[in-house]
Amino acid sequence: MTRSILLAALLALAVTACGEKPAEEVAATATDAAAVATDAAAAATEAADAVATDAAAATEAAAAATDSAAAATEAAK
């Protein structure tokens, strides 16, 4: 009987301790997560811009190399 009462009291305490978080705390956590996601998106955008710039430079270099090869071929004839 004493064990049952102690077990019931312990269970009640555990259930009470696992209650819902206040809405303000949940909102703050969501805001923090959104800020982290926004920062990550900005970093990804900057990285994509850098890659696009590098790709454009590589395309221009390839075009110049092709032009040089064509001029060398014409000169060799």
PDB file of N, CA and C in Angstrom:
ATOM      1  N   MET A   1       0.831  -1.181   0.000  1.00  0.00           N
ATOM      2  CA  MET A   1       0.000   0.000   0.000  1.00  0.00           C
ATOM      3  C   MET A   1       0.883   1.256   0.000  1.00  0.00           C
ATOM      4  N   THR A   2       1.895   1.306   0.847  1.00  0.00           N
ATOM      5  CA  THR A   2       2.786   2.454   0.921  1.00  0.00           C
ATOM      6  C   THR A   2       3.562   2.599  -0.389  1.00  0.00           C
ATOM      7  N   ARG A   3       3.945   1.462  -0.940  1.00  0.00           N
ATOM      8  CA  ARG A   3       4.657   1.500  -2.226  1.00  0.00           C
ATOM      9  C   ARG A   3       3.764   2.085  -3.306  1.00  0.00           C
ATOM     10  N   SER A   4       2.516   1.709  -3.316  1.00  0.00           N
ATOM     11  CA  SER A   4       1.585   2.204  -4.323  1.00  0.00           C
ATOM     12  C   SER A   4       1.409   3.708  -4.213  1.00  0.00           C
ATOM     13  N   ILE A   5       1.316   4.217  -3.008  1.00  0.00           N
ATOM     14  CA  ILE A   5       1.149   5.658  -2.804  1.00  0.00           C
ATOM     15  C   ILE A   5       2.422   6.389  -3.251  1.00  0.00           C
ATOM     16  N   LEU A   6       3.573   5.847  -2.869  1.00  0.00           N
ATOM     17  CA  LEU A   6       4.836   6.467  -3.276  1.00  0.00           C
ATOM     18  C   LEU A   6       5.010   6.437  -4.794  1.00  0.00           C
ATOM     19  N   LEU A   7       4.647   5.311  -5.394  1.00  0.00           N
ATOM     20  CA  LEU A   7       4.743   5.195  -6.849  1.00  0.00           C
ATOM     21  C   LEU A   7       3.802   6.171  -7.535  1.00  0.00           C
ATOM     22  N   ALA A   8       2.580   6.303  -7.028  1.00  0.00           N
ATOM     23  CA  ALA A   8       1.607   7.234  -7.595  1.00  0.00           C
ATOM     24  C   ALA A   8       2.102   8.674  -7.449  1.00  0.00           C
ATOM     25  N   ALA A   9       2.687   9.006  -6.293  1.00  0.00           N
ATOM     26  CA  ALA A   9       3.203  10.357  -6.071  1.00  0.00           C
ATOM     27  C   ALA A   9       4.373  10.641  -7.014  1.00  0.00           C
ATOM     28  N   LEU A  10       5.246   9.679  -7.187  1.00  0.00           N
ATOM     29  CA  LEU A  10       6.387   9.839  -8.080  1.00  0.00           C
ATOM     30  C   LEU A  10       5.932  10.007  -9.527  1.00  0.00           C
ATOM     31  N   LEU A  11       4.950   9.223  -9.931  1.00  0.00           N
ATOM     32  CA  LEU A  11       4.405   9.331 -11.283  1.00  0.00           C
ATOM     33  C   LEU A  11       3.753  10.696 -11.490  1.00  0.00           C
ATOM     34  N   ALA A  12       3.000  11.163 -10.511  1.00  0.00           N
ATOM     35  CA  ALA A  12       2.359  12.478 -10.614  1.00  0.00           C
ATOM     36  C   ALA A  12       3.410  13.585 -10.724  1.00  0.00           C
ATOM     37  N   LEU A  13       4.477  13.473  -9.958  1.00  0.00           N
ATOM     38  CA  LEU A  13       5.554  14.460 -10.019  1.00  0.00           C
ATOM     39  C   LEU A  13       6.236  14.448 -11.385  1.00  0.00           C
ATOM     40  N   ALA A  14       6.472  13.276 -11.919  1.00  0.00           N
ATOM     41  CA  ALA A  14       7.122  13.153 -13.230  1.00  0.00           C
ATOM     42  C   ALA A  14       6.257  13.743 -14.337  1.00  0.00           C
ATOM     43  N   VAL A  15       4.971  13.475 -14.287  1.00  0.00           N
ATOM     44  CA  VAL A  15       4.055  13.995 -15.310  1.00  0.00           C
ATOM     45  C   VAL A  15       3.970  15.506 -15.216  1.00  0.00           C
ATOM     46  N   THR A  16       3.943  16.031 -14.001  1.00  0.00           N
ATOM     47  CA  THR A  16       3.871  17.470 -13.804  1.00  0.00           C
ATOM     48  C   THR A  16       5.151  18.145 -14.299  1.00  0.00           C
ATOM     49  N   ALA A  17       6.282  17.538 -14.055  1.00  0.00           N
ATOM     50  CA  ALA A  17       7.563  18.112 -14.465  1.00  0.00           C
ATOM     51  C   ALA A  17       7.721  18.116 -15.984  1.00  0.00           C
ATOM     52  N   CYS A  18       7.016  17.257 -16.675  1.00  0.00           N
ATOM     53  CA  CYS A  18       7.133  17.152 -18.138  1.00  0.00           C
ATOM     54  C   CYS A  18       6.050  17.953 -18.840  1.00  0.00           C
ATOM     55  N   GLY A  19       5.523  18.980 -18.185  1.00  0.00           N
ATOM     56  CA  GLY A  19       4.451  19.787 -18.769  1.00  0.00           C
ATOM     57  C   GLY A  19       4.916  20.547 -19.991  1.00  0.00           C
ATOM     58  N   GLU A  20       3.992  21.247 -20.618  1.00  0.00           N
ATOM     59  CA  GLU A  20       4.291  21.995 -21.823  1.00  0.00           C
ATOM     60  C   GLU A  20       5.153  23.208 -21.501  1.00  0.00           C
ATOM     61  N   LYS A  21       5.953  23.617 -22.474  1.00  0.00           N
ATOM     62  CA  LYS A  21       6.771  24.811 -22.323  1.00  0.00           C
ATOM     63  C   LYS A  21       5.875  26.032 -22.518  1.00  0.00           C
ATOM     64  N   PRO A  22       6.222  27.143 -21.892  1.00  0.00           N
ATOM     65  CA  PRO A  22       5.453  28.364 -22.121  1.00  0.00           C
ATOM     66  C   PRO A  22       5.569  28.797 -23.577  1.00  0.00           C
ATOM     67  N   ALA A  23       4.535  29.424 -24.083  1.00  0.00           N
ATOM     68  CA  ALA A  23       4.496  29.837 -25.488  1.00  0.00           C
ATOM     69  C   ALA A  23       5.625  30.802 -25.815  1.00  0.00           C
ATOM     70  N   GLU A  24       5.991  31.670 -24.878  1.00  0.00           N
ATOM     71  CA  GLU A  24       7.067  32.624 -25.130  1.00  0.00           C
ATOM     72  C   GLU A  24       8.396  31.912 -25.379  1.00  0.00           C
ATOM     73  N   GLU A  25       8.653  30.857 -24.624  1.00  0.00           N
ATOM     74  CA  GLU A  25       9.903  30.104 -24.788  1.00  0.00           C
ATOM     75  C   GLU A  25       9.924  29.398 -26.140  1.00  0.00           C
ATOM     76  N   VAL A  26       8.793  28.846 -26.538  1.00  0.00           N
ATOM     77  CA  VAL A  26       8.707  28.169 -27.837  1.00  0.00           C
ATOM     78  C   VAL A  26       8.900  29.177 -28.964  1.00  0.00           C
ATOM     79  N   ALA A  27       8.287  30.357 -28.826  1.00  0.00           N
ATOM     80  CA  ALA A  27       8.422  31.388 -29.856  1.00  0.00           C
ATOM     81  C   ALA A  27       9.862  31.869 -29.955  1.00  0.00           C
ATOM     82  N   ALA A  28      10.539  32.025 -28.822  1.00  0.00           N
ATOM     83  CA  ALA A  28      11.934  32.468 -28.837  1.00  0.00           C
ATOM     84  C   ALA A  28      12.820  31.433 -29.516  1.00  0.00           C
ATOM     85  N   THR A  29      12.565  30.167 -29.248  1.00  0.00           N
ATOM     86  CA  THR A  29      13.342  29.103 -29.870  1.00  0.00           C
ATOM     87  C   THR A  29      13.114  29.088 -31.382  1.00  0.00           C
ATOM     88  N   ALA A  30      11.875  29.268 -31.796  1.00  0.00           N
ATOM     89  CA  ALA A  30      11.566  29.298 -33.230  1.00  0.00           C
ATOM     90  C   ALA A  30      12.220  30.497 -33.904  1.00  0.00           C
ATOM     91  N   THR A  31      12.232  31.635 -33.223  1.00  0.00           N
ATOM     92  CA  THR A  31      12.871  32.827 -33.774  1.00  0.00           C
ATOM     93  C   THR A  31      14.371  32.618 -33.931  1.00  0.00           C
ATOM     94  N   ASP A  32      14.988  32.007 -32.923  1.00  0.00           N
ATOM     95  CA  ASP A  32      16.417  31.716 -33.010  1.00  0.00           C
ATOM     96  C   ASP A  32      16.715  30.775 -34.168  1.00  0.00           C
ATOM     97  N   ALA A  33      15.885  29.750 -34.335  1.00  0.00           N
ATOM     98  CA  ALA A  33      16.084  28.796 -35.431  1.00  0.00           C
ATOM     99  C   ALA A  33      15.921  29.485 -36.783  1.00  0.00           C
ATOM    100  N   ALA A  34      14.962  30.393 -36.885  1.00  0.00           N
ATOM    101  CA  ALA A  34      14.755  31.123 -38.138  1.00  0.00           C
ATOM    102  C   ALA A  34      15.951  32.020 -38.447  1.00  0.00           C
ATOM    103  N   ALA A  35      16.537  32.631 -37.423  1.00  0.00           N
ATOM    104  CA  ALA A  35      17.708  33.485 -37.630  1.00  0.00           C
ATOM    105  C   ALA A  35      18.890  32.666 -38.139  1.00  0.00           C
ATOM    106  N   VAL A  36      19.086  31.490 -37.578  1.00  0.00           N
ATOM    107  CA  VAL A  36      20.168  30.611 -38.027  1.00  0.00           C
ATOM    108  C   VAL A  36      19.934  30.189 -39.475  1.00  0.00           C
ATOM    109  N   ALA A  37      18.700  29.854 -39.815  1.00  0.00           N
ATOM    110  CA  ALA A  37      18.380  29.451 -41.188  1.00  0.00           C
ATOM    111  C   ALA A  37      18.601  30.604 -42.163  1.00  0.00           C
ATOM    112  N   THR A  38      18.252  31.825 -41.746  1.00  0.00           N
ATOM    113  CA  THR A  38      18.449  32.991 -42.600  1.00  0.00           C
ATOM    114  C   THR A  38      19.931  33.232 -42.851  1.00  0.00           C
ATOM    115  N   ASP A  39      20.739  33.116 -41.794  1.00  0.00           N
ATOM    116  CA  ASP A  39      22.189  33.278 -41.951  1.00  0.00           C
ATOM    117  C   ASP A  39      22.766  32.221 -42.884  1.00  0.00           C
ATOM    118  N   ALA A  40      22.306  30.995 -42.750  1.00  0.00           N
ATOM    119  CA  ALA A  40      22.790  29.911 -43.615  1.00  0.00           C
ATOM    120  C   ALA A  40      22.398  30.165 -45.069  1.00  0.00           C
ATOM    121  N   ALA A  41      21.188  30.666 -45.282  1.00  0.00           N
ATOM    122  CA  ALA A  41      20.739  30.954 -46.646  1.00  0.00           C
ATOM    123  C   ALA A  41      21.559  32.084 -47.259  1.00  0.00           C
ATOM    124  N   ALA A  42      21.884  33.097 -46.456  1.00  0.00           N
ATOM    125  CA  ALA A  42      22.701  34.204 -46.962  1.00  0.00           C
ATOM    126  C   ALA A  42      24.096  33.711 -47.340  1.00  0.00           C
ATOM    127  N   ALA A  43      24.674  32.855 -46.512  1.00  0.00           N
ATOM    128  CA  ALA A  43      25.996  32.299 -46.813  1.00  0.00           C
ATOM    129  C   ALA A  43      25.955  31.461 -48.083  1.00  0.00           C
ATOM    130  N   ALA A  44      24.907  30.682 -48.249  1.00  0.00           N
ATOM    131  CA  ALA A  44      24.775  29.852 -49.448  1.00  0.00           C
ATOM    132  C   ALA A  44      24.619  30.721 -50.700  1.00  0.00           C
ATOM    133  N   THR A  45      23.892  31.810 -50.572  1.00  0.00           N
ATOM    134  CA  THR A  45      23.717  32.724 -51.705  1.00  0.00           C
ATOM    135  C   THR A  45      25.041  33.359 -52.101  1.00  0.00           C
ATOM    136  N   GLU A  46      25.823  33.784 -51.093  1.00  0.00           N
ATOM    137  CA  GLU A  46      27.137  34.359 -51.383  1.00  0.00           C
ATOM    138  C   GLU A  46      28.050  33.336 -52.052  1.00  0.00           C
ATOM    139  N   ALA A  47      28.010  32.099 -51.582  1.00  0.00           N
ATOM    140  CA  ALA A  47      28.832  31.046 -52.176  1.00  0.00           C
ATOM    141  C   ALA A  47      28.409  30.785 -53.617  1.00  0.00           C
ATOM    142  N   ALA A  48      27.110  30.786 -53.863  1.00  0.00           N
ATOM    143  CA  ALA A  48      26.616  30.560 -55.222  1.00  0.00           C
ATOM    144  C   ALA A  48      27.045  31.684 -56.150  1.00  0.00           C
ATOM    145  N   ASP A  49      27.011  32.926 -55.648  1.00  0.00           N
ATOM    146  CA  ASP A  49      27.465  34.057 -56.461  1.00  0.00           C
ATOM    147  C   ASP A  49      28.940  33.925 -56.808  1.00  0.00           C
ATOM    148  N   ALA A  50      29.750  33.488 -55.840  1.00  0.00           N
ATOM    149  CA  ALA A  50      31.188  33.315 -56.086  1.00  0.00           C
ATOM    150  C   ALA A  50      31.431  32.234 -57.132  1.00  0.00           C
ATOM    151  N   VAL A  51      30.688  31.148 -57.052  1.00  0.00           N
ATOM    152  CA  VAL A  51      30.838  30.069 -58.024  1.00  0.00           C
ATOM    153  C   VAL A  51      30.421  30.545 -59.409  1.00  0.00           C
ATOM    154  N   ALA A  52      29.341  31.321 -59.471  1.00  0.00           N
ATOM    155  CA  ALA A  52      28.886  31.832 -60.766  1.00  0.00           C
ATOM    156  C   ALA A  52      29.935  32.756 -61.373  1.00  0.00           C
ATOM    157  N   THR A  53      30.563  33.587 -60.544  1.00  0.00           N
ATOM    158  CA  THR A  53      31.614  34.485 -61.028  1.00  0.00           C
ATOM    159  C   THR A  53      32.802  33.682 -61.539  1.00  0.00           C
ATOM    160  N   ASP A  54      33.190  32.657 -60.789  1.00  0.00           N
ATOM    161  CA  ASP A  54      34.300  31.799 -61.215  1.00  0.00           C
ATOM    162  C   ASP A  54      33.963  31.075 -62.512  1.00  0.00           C
ATOM    163  N   ALA A  55      32.730  30.635 -62.656  1.00  0.00           N
ATOM    164  CA  ALA A  55      32.323  29.929 -63.870  1.00  0.00           C
ATOM    165  C   ALA A  55      32.360  30.864 -65.073  1.00  0.00           C
ATOM    166  N   ALA A  56      31.934  32.107 -64.878  1.00  0.00           N
ATOM    167  CA  ALA A  56      31.971  33.075 -65.974  1.00  0.00           C
ATOM    168  C   ALA A  56      33.408  33.351 -66.391  1.00  0.00           C
ATOM    169  N   ALA A  57      34.307  33.478 -65.435  1.00  0.00           N
ATOM    170  CA  ALA A  57      35.720  33.717 -65.744  1.00  0.00           C
ATOM    171  C   ALA A  57      36.308  32.517 -66.483  1.00  0.00           C
ATOM    172  N   ALA A  58      35.955  31.318 -66.073  1.00  0.00           N
ATOM    173  CA  ALA A  58      36.454  30.112 -66.738  1.00  0.00           C
ATOM    174  C   ALA A  58      35.933  30.029 -68.166  1.00  0.00           C
ATOM    175  N   THR A  59      34.692  30.403 -68.380  1.00  0.00           N
ATOM    176  CA  THR A  59      34.116  30.395 -69.725  1.00  0.00           C
ATOM    177  C   THR A  59      34.845  31.384 -70.630  1.00  0.00           C
ATOM    178  N   GLU A  60      35.133  32.567 -70.085  1.00  0.00           N
ATOM    179  CA  GLU A  60      35.871  33.566 -70.871  1.00  0.00           C
ATOM    180  C   GLU A  60      37.282  33.073 -71.209  1.00  0.00           C
ATOM    181  N   ALA A  61      37.932  32.441 -70.253  1.00  0.00           N
ATOM    182  CA  ALA A  61      39.280  31.917 -70.495  1.00  0.00           C
ATOM    183  C   ALA A  61      39.250  30.822 -71.560  1.00  0.00           C
ATOM    184  N   ALA A  62      38.251  29.978 -71.513  1.00  0.00           N
ATOM    185  CA  ALA A  62      38.133  28.912 -72.512  1.00  0.00           C
ATOM    186  C   ALA A  62      37.886  29.497 -73.898  1.00  0.00           C
ATOM    187  N   ALA A  63      37.088  30.541 -73.958  1.00  0.00           N
ATOM    188  CA  ALA A  63      36.824  31.186 -75.246  1.00  0.00           C
ATOM    189  C   ALA A  63      38.106  31.810 -75.802  1.00  0.00           C
ATOM    190  N   ALA A  64      38.874  32.435 -74.912  1.00  0.00           N
ATOM    191  CA  ALA A  64      40.140  33.031 -75.352  1.00  0.00           C
ATOM    192  C   ALA A  64      41.110  31.951 -75.833  1.00  0.00           C
ATOM    193  N   ALA A  65      41.155  30.825 -75.146  1.00  0.00           N
ATOM    194  CA  ALA A  65      42.031  29.726 -75.549  1.00  0.00           C
ATOM    195  C   ALA A  65      41.599  29.175 -76.907  1.00  0.00           C
ATOM    196  N   THR A  66      40.311  29.077 -77.112  1.00  0.00           N
ATOM    197  CA  THR A  66      39.799  28.583 -78.394  1.00  0.00           C
ATOM    198  C   THR A  66      40.172  29.548 -79.527  1.00  0.00           C
ATOM    199  N   ASP A  67      40.023  30.837 -79.259  1.00  0.00           N
ATOM    200  CA  ASP A  67      40.403  31.837 -80.253  1.00  0.00           C
ATOM    201  C   ASP A  67      41.892  31.766 -80.568  1.00  0.00           C
ATOM    202  N   SER A  68      42.700  31.587 -79.544  1.00  0.00           N
ATOM    203  CA  SER A  68      44.149  31.478 -79.752  1.00  0.00           C
ATOM    204  C   SER A  68      44.493  30.236 -80.567  1.00  0.00           C
ATOM    205  N   ALA A  69      43.827  29.134 -80.273  1.00  0.00           N
ATOM    206  CA  ALA A  69      44.075  27.900 -81.023  1.00  0.00           C
ATOM    207  C   ALA A  69      43.663  28.055 -82.485  1.00  0.00           C
ATOM    208  N   ALA A  70      42.559  28.744 -82.690  1.00  0.00           N
ATOM    209  CA  ALA A  70      42.114  28.966 -84.068  1.00  0.00           C
ATOM    210  C   ALA A  70      43.094  29.861 -84.812  1.00  0.00           C
ATOM    211  N   ALA A  71      43.603  30.882 -84.129  1.00  0.00           N
ATOM    212  CA  ALA A  71      44.574  31.769 -84.777  1.00  0.00           C
ATOM    213  C   ALA A  71      45.875  31.012 -85.069  1.00  0.00           C
ATOM    214  N   ALA A  72      46.297  30.142 -84.173  1.00  0.00           N
ATOM    215  CA  ALA A  72      47.517  29.353 -84.396  1.00  0.00           C
ATOM    216  C   ALA A  72      47.330  28.410 -85.561  1.00  0.00           C
ATOM    217  N   THR A  73      46.148  27.836 -85.664  1.00  0.00           N
ATOM    218  CA  THR A  73      45.862  26.923 -86.775  1.00  0.00           C
ATOM    219  C   THR A  73      45.914  27.674 -88.100  1.00  0.00           C
ATOM    220  N   GLU A  74      45.352  28.874 -88.143  1.00  0.00           N
ATOM    221  CA  GLU A  74      45.354  29.678 -89.380  1.00  0.00           C
ATOM    222  C   GLU A  74      46.779  30.082 -89.753  1.00  0.00           C
ATOM    223  N   ALA A  75      47.572  30.419 -88.706  1.00  0.00           N
ATOM    224  CA  ALA A  75      48.952  30.850 -88.957  1.00  0.00           C
ATOM    225  C   ALA A  75      49.802  29.694 -89.468  1.00  0.00           C
ATOM    226  N   ALA A  76      49.481  28.477 -89.061  1.00  0.00           N
ATOM    227  CA  ALA A  76      50.264  27.307 -89.464  1.00  0.00           C
ATOM    228  C   ALA A  76      49.967  26.913 -90.910  1.00  0.00           C
ATOM    229  N   LYS A  77      48.898  27.380 -91.492  1.00  0.00           N
ATOM    230  CA  LYS A  77      48.550  26.988 -92.877  1.00  0.00           C
ATOM    231  C   LYS A  77      49.384  27.632 -93.909  1.00  0.00           C
TER     232      LYS A  77
END
